[in-house]
């Protein structure tokens, strides 16, 4: 189903219309799927990674324990350098 919805998005169907009609998230569906701005690390890992690795204007999917999510990245804040640090 997610692939079909992404195809519709790419043909020009509005994200908010599809979110209102198809989303199981009662909170965000009512506002067209808009989650607003949120900081990195606030969402579950697969969703977070999809949001923060996608480019502005891109549609991506993420599968979490809550289901499959279609994400449209509307805007991004300034990129910052990140480091992965491990302690042994």
C-alpha atoms as a PDB file:
ATOM      1  CA  UNK A   1       0.000   0.000   0.000  1.00  0.00           C
ATOM      2  CA  UNK A   2       2.846   2.400   0.826  1.00  0.00           C
ATOM      3  CA  UNK A   3       4.319   1.962  -2.663  1.00  0.00           C
ATOM      4  CA  UNK A   4       0.946   2.765  -4.230  1.00  0.00           C
ATOM      5  CA  UNK A   5       0.580   5.892  -2.110  1.00  0.00           C
ATOM      6  CA  UNK A   6       4.093   7.059  -3.015  1.00  0.00           C
ATOM      7  CA  UNK A   7       3.235   6.584  -6.689  1.00  0.00           C
ATOM      8  CA  UNK A   8       0.185   8.813  -6.176  1.00  0.00           C
ATOM      9  CA  UNK A   9       2.341  11.416  -4.428  1.00  0.00           C
ATOM     10  CA  UNK A  10       4.796  11.452  -7.321  1.00  0.00           C
ATOM     11  CA  UNK A  11       1.930  12.066  -9.758  1.00  0.00           C
ATOM     12  CA  UNK A  12       0.909  15.182  -7.849  1.00  0.00           C
ATOM     13  CA  UNK A  13      -1.693  14.011  -5.332  1.00  0.00           C
ATOM     14  CA  UNK A  14      -1.402  16.098  -2.180  1.00  0.00           C
ATOM     15  CA  UNK A  15       0.349  14.492   0.804  1.00  0.00           C
ATOM     16  CA  UNK A  16      -2.107  15.977   3.277  1.00  0.00           C
ATOM     17  CA  UNK A  17      -5.124  14.620   1.385  1.00  0.00           C
ATOM     18  CA  UNK A  18      -3.609  11.121   1.291  1.00  0.00           C
ATOM     19  CA  UNK A  19      -2.653  11.324   4.972  1.00  0.00           C
ATOM     20  CA  UNK A  20      -6.157  12.339   6.009  1.00  0.00           C
ATOM     21  CA  UNK A  21      -7.694   9.522   3.965  1.00  0.00           C
ATOM     22  CA  UNK A  22      -5.212   6.713   4.710  1.00  0.00           C
ATOM     23  CA  UNK A  23      -3.321   7.320   7.954  1.00  0.00           C
ATOM     24  CA  UNK A  24      -4.012   5.213  11.046  1.00  0.00           C
ATOM     25  CA  UNK A  25      -2.472   7.927  13.249  1.00  0.00           C
ATOM     26  CA  UNK A  26      -5.515   9.798  14.506  1.00  0.00           C
ATOM     27  CA  UNK A  27      -3.420  12.715  15.726  1.00  0.00           C
ATOM     28  CA  UNK A  28      -1.392  13.573  12.646  1.00  0.00           C
ATOM     29  CA  UNK A  29      -3.973  12.413  10.085  1.00  0.00           C
ATOM     30  CA  UNK A  30      -6.302  15.239  11.110  1.00  0.00           C
ATOM     31  CA  UNK A  31      -3.635  17.793  10.203  1.00  0.00           C
ATOM     32  CA  UNK A  32      -2.598  16.159   6.938  1.00  0.00           C
ATOM     33  CA  UNK A  33       0.195  14.103   8.473  1.00  0.00           C
ATOM     34  CA  UNK A  34       2.179  17.163   9.575  1.00  0.00           C
ATOM     35  CA  UNK A  35       4.366  16.403  12.602  1.00  0.00           C
ATOM     36  CA  UNK A  36       5.940  19.844  12.697  1.00  0.00           C
ATOM     37  CA  UNK A  37       9.576  20.386  13.624  1.00  0.00           C
ATOM     38  CA  UNK A  38      11.212  17.878  15.949  1.00  0.00           C
ATOM     39  CA  UNK A  39      14.805  17.362  17.067  1.00  0.00           C
ATOM     40  CA  UNK A  40      16.904  14.412  16.015  1.00  0.00           C
ATOM     41  CA  UNK A  41      16.561  11.523  18.452  1.00  0.00           C
ATOM     42  CA  UNK A  42      12.974  12.309  19.456  1.00  0.00           C
ATOM     43  CA  UNK A  43      11.329   9.609  17.298  1.00  0.00           C
ATOM     44  CA  UNK A  44      11.864   5.836  17.215  1.00  0.00           C
ATOM     45  CA  UNK A  45      15.144   4.935  15.505  1.00  0.00           C
ATOM     46  CA  UNK A  46      13.948   3.771  12.044  1.00  0.00           C
ATOM     47  CA  UNK A  47      11.633   6.788  11.712  1.00  0.00           C
ATOM     48  CA  UNK A  48      14.307   9.161  13.016  1.00  0.00           C
ATOM     49  CA  UNK A  49      16.949   7.792  10.636  1.00  0.00           C
ATOM     50  CA  UNK A  50      14.623   8.040   7.635  1.00  0.00           C
ATOM     51  CA  UNK A  51      13.784  11.662   8.458  1.00  0.00           C
ATOM     52  CA  UNK A  52      17.328  12.818   9.086  1.00  0.00           C
ATOM     53  CA  UNK A  53      19.024  11.020   6.197  1.00  0.00           C
ATOM     54  CA  UNK A  54      16.465  11.950   3.526  1.00  0.00           C
ATOM     55  CA  UNK A  55      16.888  15.027   1.390  1.00  0.00           C
ATOM     56  CA  UNK A  56      14.503  17.959   1.378  1.00  0.00           C
ATOM     57  CA  UNK A  57      11.571  17.205  -0.943  1.00  0.00           C
ATOM     58  CA  UNK A  58      12.139  13.454  -0.868  1.00  0.00           C
ATOM     59  CA  UNK A  59       9.555  10.786  -0.021  1.00  0.00           C
ATOM     60  CA  UNK A  60      10.887   7.934   2.104  1.00  0.00           C
ATOM     61  CA  UNK A  61       9.381   5.030   4.002  1.00  0.00           C
ATOM     62  CA  UNK A  62      10.226   3.698   7.433  1.00  0.00           C
ATOM     63  CA  UNK A  63       8.981   0.542   9.107  1.00  0.00           C
ATOM     64  CA  UNK A  64       8.656   0.703  12.888  1.00  0.00           C
ATOM     65  CA  UNK A  65       6.786  -1.235  15.548  1.00  0.00           C
ATOM     66  CA  UNK A  66       3.935   1.235  14.909  1.00  0.00           C
ATOM     67  CA  UNK A  67       3.646   0.339  11.215  1.00  0.00           C
ATOM     68  CA  UNK A  68       4.894   1.584   7.865  1.00  0.00           C
ATOM     69  CA  UNK A  69       5.329   5.331   7.555  1.00  0.00           C
ATOM     70  CA  UNK A  70       5.534   7.472   4.440  1.00  0.00           C
ATOM     71  CA  UNK A  71       7.579  10.569   5.139  1.00  0.00           C
ATOM     72  CA  UNK A  72       7.798  13.728   3.067  1.00  0.00           C
ATOM     73  CA  UNK A  73      10.700  15.918   4.134  1.00  0.00           C
ATOM     74  CA  UNK A  74       9.462  19.484   3.743  1.00  0.00           C
ATOM     75  CA  UNK A  75      12.448  21.309   5.163  1.00  0.00           C
ATOM     76  CA  UNK A  76      15.615  20.673   7.138  1.00  0.00           C
ATOM     77  CA  UNK A  77      17.612  22.716   9.562  1.00  0.00           C
ATOM     78  CA  UNK A  78      21.318  23.374   9.067  1.00  0.00           C
ATOM     79  CA  UNK A  79      23.386  20.190   8.825  1.00  0.00           C
ATOM     80  CA  UNK A  80      25.731  19.523  11.693  1.00  0.00           C
ATOM     81  CA  UNK A  81      28.710  17.203  11.892  1.00  0.00           C
ATOM     82  CA  UNK A  82      28.009  14.067  13.922  1.00  0.00           C
ATOM     83  CA  UNK A  83      30.328  11.467  15.340  1.00  0.00           C
ATOM     84  CA  UNK A  84      29.628   7.902  16.438  1.00  0.00           C
ATOM     85  CA  UNK A  85      31.581   7.194  19.586  1.00  0.00           C
ATOM     86  CA  UNK A  86      31.919   3.803  21.197  1.00  0.00           C
ATOM     87  CA  UNK A  87      33.366   2.989  24.569  1.00  0.00           C
ATOM     88  CA  UNK A  88      34.837  -0.439  25.187  1.00  0.00           C
END
